[in-house]
Amino acid sequence: MSAVLVVSLGGCVTKPPPRPRAEVSVAAPTKADVWQHVASAPDADRIARIGTAWSEALADARAHGLGDEVRHEGRLLVASAALARPAPTPGSYSCRLVEVGSTSRKKAAFERFKPFFCYVEVEGDLLTIVKQTGSQRPAGRLWEDDASTRLVYLGSLALGNEEQPKAYGEDPTRDMAGVVERVAPFVWRLVIPYPRSGARLAVFELTPVAEQPK
């Protein structure tokens, strides 16, 4: 009887339920994740502080009695002027540079420079901007961002007789980072916070021209 009882009790033992499998979900990278993977840490930090750069640059210019110069530029120097659809149309542009604010006493708090020509073209899945004339010629790619009113610019600087700029990241002393925004119909700006020139803000205005200069 005892042997039968043991067998009977053994048949009543149930197996424990299987342990639930751990599921790991990986979120798809955001647009900002993509360009931040390319950008250096210092450049990503500059772009993150672009609002502070605007505030400091405009305050510095006004503190030096240059408020009229700022107002003369209209929407170009309005920090909140960015509009939807920031991607510039491929083609040739008349470009000019305005630098606002200064990080040293040797640098003017507001400067305008002579116009030059630059070109926007398609390279693979990205747009590029290239300055065509002058002794210092920035060139870089435009990356989509989570903010729908801007593209992120990561580029480099060609000097003197160099035919091609170095690739971004090849020489950190040449690297440039900023954002491209549309501020009016057929008017764009490239904003570089804390450029190496000693300004607090460098703002390039881009206006399309009918023909590429020869």
C-alpha atoms as a PDB file:
ATOM      1  CA  MET A   1       0.000   0.000   0.000  1.00  0.00           C
ATOM      2  CA  SER A   2       2.754   2.417   0.865  1.00  0.00           C
ATOM      3  CA  ALA A   3       4.451   1.927  -2.488  1.00  0.00           C
ATOM      4  CA  VAL A   4       1.214   2.595  -4.336  1.00  0.00           C
ATOM      5  CA  LEU A   5       0.623   5.712  -2.269  1.00  0.00           C
ATOM      6  CA  VAL A   6       4.039   7.132  -3.106  1.00  0.00           C
ATOM      7  CA  VAL A   7       3.537   6.629  -6.817  1.00  0.00           C
ATOM      8  CA  SER A   8       0.115   8.210  -6.614  1.00  0.00           C
ATOM      9  CA  LEU A   9       1.404  11.254  -4.814  1.00  0.00           C
ATOM     10  CA  GLY A  10       4.289  11.600  -7.266  1.00  0.00           C
ATOM     11  CA  GLY A  11       1.846  11.785 -10.123  1.00  0.00           C
ATOM     12  CA  CYS A  12       0.155  14.793  -8.524  1.00  0.00           C
ATOM     13  CA  VAL A  13       3.285  16.969  -8.619  1.00  0.00           C
ATOM     14  CA  THR A  14       2.895  19.824 -11.170  1.00  0.00           C
ATOM     15  CA  LYS A  15       5.718  21.604 -12.990  1.00  0.00           C
ATOM     16  CA  PRO A  16       6.321  25.283 -12.111  1.00  0.00           C
ATOM     17  CA  PRO A  17       5.134  27.741 -14.763  1.00  0.00           C
ATOM     18  CA  PRO A  18       7.835  28.907 -17.185  1.00  0.00           C
ATOM     19  CA  ARG A  19       9.539  32.177 -16.316  1.00  0.00           C
ATOM     20  CA  PRO A  20       8.513  35.086 -18.517  1.00  0.00           C
ATOM     21  CA  ARG A  21      11.147  36.051 -21.059  1.00  0.00           C
ATOM     22  CA  ALA A  22      12.647  39.487 -20.658  1.00  0.00           C
ATOM     23  CA  GLU A  23      11.823  41.664 -23.660  1.00  0.00           C
ATOM     24  CA  VAL A  24      14.177  44.517 -24.571  1.00  0.00           C
ATOM     25  CA  SER A  25      12.766  47.203 -26.848  1.00  0.00           C
ATOM     26  CA  VAL A  26      15.138  49.596 -28.582  1.00  0.00           C
ATOM     27  CA  ALA A  27      13.668  52.923 -29.661  1.00  0.00           C
ATOM     28  CA  ALA A  28      14.441  54.065 -33.179  1.00  0.00           C
ATOM     29  CA  PRO A  29      17.041  56.875 -33.271  1.00  0.00           C
ATOM     30  CA  THR A  30      15.636  60.379 -33.494  1.00  0.00           C
ATOM     31  CA  LYS A  31      16.836  62.885 -36.084  1.00  0.00           C
ATOM     32  CA  ALA A  32      18.861  64.627 -33.382  1.00  0.00           C
ATOM     33  CA  ASP A  33      20.462  61.315 -32.428  1.00  0.00           C
ATOM     34  CA  VAL A  34      21.850  61.024 -35.957  1.00  0.00           C
ATOM     35  CA  TRP A  35      23.602  64.395 -36.148  1.00  0.00           C
ATOM     36  CA  GLN A  36      24.738  64.219 -32.516  1.00  0.00           C
ATOM     37  CA  HIS A  37      26.502  60.961 -33.379  1.00  0.00           C
ATOM     38  CA  VAL A  38      28.470  62.899 -36.022  1.00  0.00           C
ATOM     39  CA  ALA A  39      29.111  66.113 -34.078  1.00  0.00           C
ATOM     40  CA  SER A  40      31.980  66.509 -31.640  1.00  0.00           C
ATOM     41  CA  ALA A  41      31.058  67.065 -27.999  1.00  0.00           C
ATOM     42  CA  PRO A  42      32.147  70.754 -28.082  1.00  0.00           C
ATOM     43  CA  ASP A  43      30.103  71.419 -31.236  1.00  0.00           C
ATOM     44  CA  ALA A  44      27.025  69.652 -29.866  1.00  0.00           C
ATOM     45  CA  ASP A  45      27.378  71.823 -26.753  1.00  0.00           C
ATOM     46  CA  ARG A  46      27.590  75.014 -28.851  1.00  0.00           C
ATOM     47  CA  ILE A  47      24.401  74.112 -30.677  1.00  0.00           C
ATOM     48  CA  ALA A  48      22.686  73.315 -27.378  1.00  0.00           C
ATOM     49  CA  ARG A  49      23.614  76.817 -26.150  1.00  0.00           C
ATOM     50  CA  ILE A  50      22.498  78.660 -29.261  1.00  0.00           C
ATOM     51  CA  GLY A  51      19.702  80.435 -27.364  1.00  0.00           C
ATOM     52  CA  THR A  52      22.229  81.743 -24.854  1.00  0.00           C
ATOM     53  CA  ALA A  53      24.495  82.867 -27.695  1.00  0.00           C
ATOM     54  CA  TRP A  54      21.633  84.888 -29.198  1.00  0.00           C
ATOM     55  CA  SER A  55      20.856  86.566 -25.867  1.00  0.00           C
ATOM     56  CA  GLU A  56      24.487  87.382 -25.089  1.00  0.00           C
ATOM     57  CA  ALA A  57      25.271  88.627 -28.613  1.00  0.00           C
ATOM     58  CA  LEU A  58      22.304  90.974 -28.905  1.00  0.00           C
ATOM     59  CA  ALA A  59      22.740  92.277 -25.354  1.00  0.00           C
ATOM     60  CA  ASP A  60      26.426  92.976 -25.994  1.00  0.00           C
ATOM     61  CA  ALA A  61      25.722  94.857 -29.234  1.00  0.00           C
ATOM     62  CA  ARG A  62      23.051  96.991 -27.567  1.00  0.00           C
ATOM     63  CA  ALA A  63      25.295  97.671 -24.562  1.00  0.00           C
ATOM     64  CA  HIS A  64      27.807  99.162 -27.032  1.00  0.00           C
ATOM     65  CA  GLY A  65      25.161 101.474 -28.500  1.00  0.00           C
ATOM     66  CA  LEU A  66      24.611  99.353 -31.616  1.00  0.00           C
ATOM     67  CA  GLY A  67      20.891  98.699 -31.215  1.00  0.00           C
ATOM     68  CA  ASP A  68      20.106 100.578 -34.443  1.00  0.00           C
ATOM     69  CA  GLU A  69      22.517  98.351 -36.349  1.00  0.00           C
ATOM     70  CA  VAL A  70      20.735  95.290 -35.001  1.00  0.00           C
ATOM     71  CA  ARG A  71      17.277  96.666 -35.884  1.00  0.00           C
ATOM     72  CA  HIS A  72      18.466  97.554 -39.390  1.00  0.00           C
ATOM     73  CA  GLU A  73      18.975  93.846 -40.090  1.00  0.00           C
ATOM     74  CA  GLY A  74      15.285  93.110 -39.444  1.00  0.00           C
ATOM     75  CA  ARG A  75      14.268  89.451 -39.116  1.00  0.00           C
ATOM     76  CA  LEU A  76      17.805  88.277 -39.813  1.00  0.00           C
ATOM     77  CA  LEU A  77      18.748  89.112 -36.221  1.00  0.00           C
ATOM     78  CA  VAL A  78      15.479  88.163 -34.532  1.00  0.00           C
ATOM     79  CA  ALA A  79      16.223  85.020 -32.572  1.00  0.00           C
ATOM     80  CA  SER A  80      12.662  83.680 -32.859  1.00  0.00           C
ATOM     81  CA  ALA A  81      12.252  84.426 -36.577  1.00  0.00           C
ATOM     82  CA  ALA A  82      12.646  80.820 -37.814  1.00  0.00           C
ATOM     83  CA  LEU A  83       9.841  79.594 -40.094  1.00  0.00           C
ATOM     84  CA  ALA A  84       8.703  76.147 -41.175  1.00  0.00           C
ATOM     85  CA  ARG A  85      10.381  74.327 -44.102  1.00  0.00           C
ATOM     86  CA  PRO A  86      13.989  75.338 -43.330  1.00  0.00           C
ATOM     87  CA  ALA A  87      15.670  73.462 -46.197  1.00  0.00           C
ATOM     88  CA  PRO A  88      17.158  75.883 -48.769  1.00  0.00           C
ATOM     89  CA  THR A  89      16.573  75.213 -52.456  1.00  0.00           C
ATOM     90  CA  PRO A  90      19.640  73.870 -54.299  1.00  0.00           C
ATOM     91  CA  GLY A  91      21.340  76.553 -56.359  1.00  0.00           C
ATOM     92  CA  SER A  92      23.513  79.649 -56.129  1.00  0.00           C
ATOM     93  CA  TYR A  93      23.102  82.267 -53.411  1.00  0.00           C
ATOM     94  CA  SER A  94      24.295  85.745 -52.590  1.00  0.00           C
ATOM     95  CA  CYS A  95      25.589  85.475 -49.040  1.00  0.00           C
ATOM     96  CA  ARG A  96      26.793  87.953 -46.488  1.00  0.00           C
ATOM     97  CA  LEU A  97      28.069  87.684 -42.940  1.00  0.00           C
ATOM     98  CA  VAL A  98      27.090  89.667 -39.857  1.00  0.00           C
ATOM     99  CA  GLU A  99      28.905  89.056 -36.569  1.00  0.00           C
ATOM    100  CA  VAL A 100      27.226  90.118 -33.342  1.00  0.00           C
ATOM    101  CA  GLY A 101      28.669  90.384 -29.851  1.00  0.00           C
ATOM    102  CA  SER A 102      32.251  89.919 -28.751  1.00  0.00           C
ATOM    103  CA  THR A 103      34.175  87.721 -26.351  1.00  0.00           C
ATOM    104  CA  SER A 104      37.169  90.113 -26.160  1.00  0.00           C
ATOM    105  CA  ARG A 105      37.849  93.844 -26.200  1.00  0.00           C
ATOM    106  CA  LYS A 106      39.767  93.517 -29.454  1.00  0.00           C
ATOM    107  CA  LYS A 107      36.672  92.342 -31.323  1.00  0.00           C
ATOM    108  CA  ALA A 108      33.951  94.768 -32.395  1.00  0.00           C
ATOM    109  CA  ALA A 109      30.486  94.079 -30.969  1.00  0.00           C
ATOM    110  CA  PHE A 110      28.902  94.352 -34.438  1.00  0.00           C
ATOM    111  CA  GLU A 111      30.456  93.859 -37.874  1.00  0.00           C
ATOM    112  CA  ARG A 112      29.138  93.511 -41.420  1.00  0.00           C
ATOM    113  CA  PHE A 113      31.202  91.984 -44.202  1.00  0.00           C
ATOM    114  CA  LYS A 114      31.124  92.277 -47.981  1.00  0.00           C
ATOM    115  CA  PRO A 115      28.744  89.906 -49.807  1.00  0.00           C
ATOM    116  CA  PHE A 116      30.075  86.769 -51.447  1.00  0.00           C
ATOM    117  CA  PHE A 117      28.651  83.791 -53.311  1.00  0.00           C
ATOM    118  CA  CYS A 118      27.825  80.366 -51.952  1.00  0.00           C
ATOM    119  CA  TYR A 119      26.151  77.292 -53.347  1.00  0.00           C
ATOM    120  CA  VAL A 120      23.624  74.788 -52.022  1.00  0.00           C
ATOM    121  CA  GLU A 121      23.653  71.346 -53.594  1.00  0.00           C
ATOM    122  CA  VAL A 122      22.433  67.811 -52.969  1.00  0.00           C
ATOM    123  CA  GLU A 123      24.979  65.232 -51.839  1.00  0.00           C
ATOM    124  CA  GLY A 124      23.400  61.820 -51.341  1.00  0.00           C
ATOM    125  CA  ASP A 125      20.575  62.232 -48.843  1.00  0.00           C
ATOM    126  CA  LEU A 126      21.882  65.555 -47.503  1.00  0.00           C
ATOM    127  CA  LEU A 127      22.132  69.168 -48.582  1.00  0.00           C
ATOM    128  CA  THR A 128      25.499  70.925 -48.509  1.00  0.00           C
ATOM    129  CA  ILE A 129      26.456  74.598 -48.358  1.00  0.00           C
ATOM    130  CA  VAL A 130      29.766  75.746 -49.885  1.00  0.00           C
ATOM    131  CA  LYS A 131      31.198  79.275 -49.883  1.00  0.00           C
ATOM    132  CA  GLN A 132      32.652  79.780 -53.358  1.00  0.00           C
ATOM    133  CA  THR A 133      34.814  82.890 -53.003  1.00  0.00           C
ATOM    134  CA  GLY A 134      37.179  84.468 -50.486  1.00  0.00           C
ATOM    135  CA  SER A 135      40.228  83.402 -48.479  1.00  0.00           C
ATOM    136  CA  GLN A 136      38.093  81.575 -45.905  1.00  0.00           C
ATOM    137  CA  ARG A 137      35.491  79.252 -47.402  1.00  0.00           C
ATOM    138  CA  PRO A 138      33.237  77.238 -45.087  1.00  0.00           C
ATOM    139  CA  ALA A 139      31.574  74.119 -46.437  1.00  0.00           C
ATOM    140  CA  GLY A 140      29.366  71.614 -44.663  1.00  0.00           C
ATOM    141  CA  ARG A 141      26.410  69.256 -44.643  1.00  0.00           C
ATOM    142  CA  LEU A 142      22.894  69.930 -43.360  1.00  0.00           C
ATOM    143  CA  TRP A 143      21.277  67.366 -41.050  1.00  0.00           C
ATOM    144  CA  GLU A 144      17.629  67.085 -40.104  1.00  0.00           C
ATOM    145  CA  ASP A 145      16.814  67.903 -36.483  1.00  0.00           C
ATOM    146  CA  ASP A 146      13.932  67.119 -34.131  1.00  0.00           C
ATOM    147  CA  ALA A 147      13.084  70.841 -34.226  1.00  0.00           C
ATOM    148  CA  SER A 148      11.085  71.272 -37.433  1.00  0.00           C
ATOM    149  CA  THR A 149      12.212  74.860 -38.036  1.00  0.00           C
ATOM    150  CA  ARG A 150      15.925  74.193 -38.412  1.00  0.00           C
ATOM    151  CA  LEU A 151      18.605  72.013 -39.966  1.00  0.00           C
ATOM    152  CA  VAL A 152      21.909  71.401 -38.230  1.00  0.00           C
ATOM    153  CA  TYR A 153      25.078  72.472 -40.039  1.00  0.00           C
ATOM    154  CA  LEU A 154      28.343  70.585 -39.494  1.00  0.00           C
ATOM    155  CA  GLY A 155      31.208  71.731 -41.657  1.00  0.00           C
ATOM    156  CA  SER A 156      34.810  72.799 -42.015  1.00  0.00           C
ATOM    157  CA  LEU A 157      36.834  75.713 -43.356  1.00  0.00           C
ATOM    158  CA  ALA A 158      39.021  75.842 -46.459  1.00  0.00           C
ATOM    159  CA  LEU A 159      41.802  78.437 -46.377  1.00  0.00           C
ATOM    160  CA  GLY A 160      43.820  80.235 -49.027  1.00  0.00           C
ATOM    161  CA  ASN A 161      44.407  78.203 -52.177  1.00  0.00           C
ATOM    162  CA  GLU A 162      43.067  74.922 -50.807  1.00  0.00           C
ATOM    163  CA  GLU A 163      40.791  73.409 -53.419  1.00  0.00           C
ATOM    164  CA  GLN A 164      38.709  71.391 -50.963  1.00  0.00           C
ATOM    165  CA  PRO A 165      37.874  71.883 -47.288  1.00  0.00           C
ATOM    166  CA  LYS A 166      38.868  69.178 -44.875  1.00  0.00           C
ATOM    167  CA  ALA A 167      36.172  66.764 -43.821  1.00  0.00           C
ATOM    168  CA  TYR A 168      34.316  67.633 -40.657  1.00  0.00           C
ATOM    169  CA  GLY A 169      36.196  66.193 -37.680  1.00  0.00           C
ATOM    170  CA  GLU A 170      39.501  65.850 -39.554  1.00  0.00           C
ATOM    171  CA  ASP A 171      40.885  69.058 -38.013  1.00  0.00           C
ATOM    172  CA  PRO A 172      38.907  70.307 -34.984  1.00  0.00           C
ATOM    173  CA  THR A 173      40.462  73.776 -35.358  1.00  0.00           C
ATOM    174  CA  ARG A 174      38.659  74.097 -38.698  1.00  0.00           C
ATOM    175  CA  ASP A 175      35.316  72.608 -37.651  1.00  0.00           C
ATOM    176  CA  MET A 176      32.139  74.717 -37.687  1.00  0.00           C
ATOM    177  CA  ALA A 177      28.694  73.956 -36.257  1.00  0.00           C
ATOM    178  CA  GLY A 178      25.394  75.811 -36.314  1.00  0.00           C
ATOM    179  CA  VAL A 179      21.844  75.791 -37.633  1.00  0.00           C
ATOM    180  CA  VAL A 180      20.138  76.801 -40.875  1.00  0.00           C
ATOM    181  CA  GLU A 181      16.734  78.490 -40.667  1.00  0.00           C
ATOM    182  CA  ARG A 182      14.349  80.147 -43.092  1.00  0.00           C
ATOM    183  CA  VAL A 183      13.463  83.649 -41.871  1.00  0.00           C
ATOM    184  CA  ALA A 184      11.446  85.068 -44.807  1.00  0.00           C
ATOM    185  CA  PRO A 185      10.290  84.012 -48.283  1.00  0.00           C
ATOM    186  CA  PHE A 186      13.499  83.110 -50.156  1.00  0.00           C
ATOM    187  CA  VAL A 187      15.760  84.210 -47.299  1.00  0.00           C
ATOM    188  CA  TRP A 188      17.722  81.779 -45.110  1.00  0.00           C
ATOM    189  CA  ARG A 189      20.306  82.213 -42.408  1.00  0.00           C
ATOM    190  CA  LEU A 190      23.163  80.068 -41.150  1.00  0.00           C
ATOM    191  CA  VAL A 191      23.754  80.798 -37.471  1.00  0.00           C
ATOM    192  CA  ILE A 192      27.092  79.809 -35.899  1.00  0.00           C
ATOM    193  CA  PRO A 193      27.144  80.189 -32.092  1.00  0.00           C
ATOM    194  CA  TYR A 194      30.477  81.122 -30.518  1.00  0.00           C
ATOM    195  CA  PRO A 195      32.537  81.059 -33.746  1.00  0.00           C
ATOM    196  CA  ARG A 196      36.334  81.027 -33.617  1.00  0.00           C
ATOM    197  CA  SER A 197      36.478  84.654 -34.822  1.00  0.00           C
ATOM    198  CA  GLY A 198      35.803  85.914 -31.277  1.00  0.00           C
ATOM    199  CA  ALA A 199      32.214  86.959 -31.939  1.00  0.00           C
ATOM    200  CA  ARG A 200      29.376  85.528 -29.880  1.00  0.00           C
ATOM    201  CA  LEU A 201      27.295  84.891 -32.982  1.00  0.00           C
ATOM    202  CA  ALA A 202      28.041  84.676 -36.714  1.00  0.00           C
ATOM    203  CA  VAL A 203      24.978  84.969 -38.949  1.00  0.00           C
ATOM    204  CA  PHE A 204      25.201  84.292 -42.682  1.00  0.00           C
ATOM    205  CA  GLU A 205      22.297  85.557 -44.783  1.00  0.00           C
ATOM    206  CA  LEU A 206      21.542  83.486 -47.903  1.00  0.00           C
ATOM    207  CA  THR A 207      19.456  84.912 -50.755  1.00  0.00           C
ATOM    208  CA  PRO A 208      19.036  82.997 -54.048  1.00  0.00           C
ATOM    209  CA  VAL A 209      20.448  84.469 -57.264  1.00  0.00           C
ATOM    210  CA  ALA A 210      19.327  83.625 -60.798  1.00  0.00           C
ATOM    211  CA  GLU A 211      22.667  82.371 -62.086  1.00  0.00           C
ATOM    212  CA  GLN A 212      25.757  80.846 -60.563  1.00  0.00           C
ATOM    213  CA  PRO A 213      28.667  83.305 -60.719  1.00  0.00           C
ATOM    214  CA  LYS A 214      31.509  82.448 -63.096  1.00  0.00           C
END
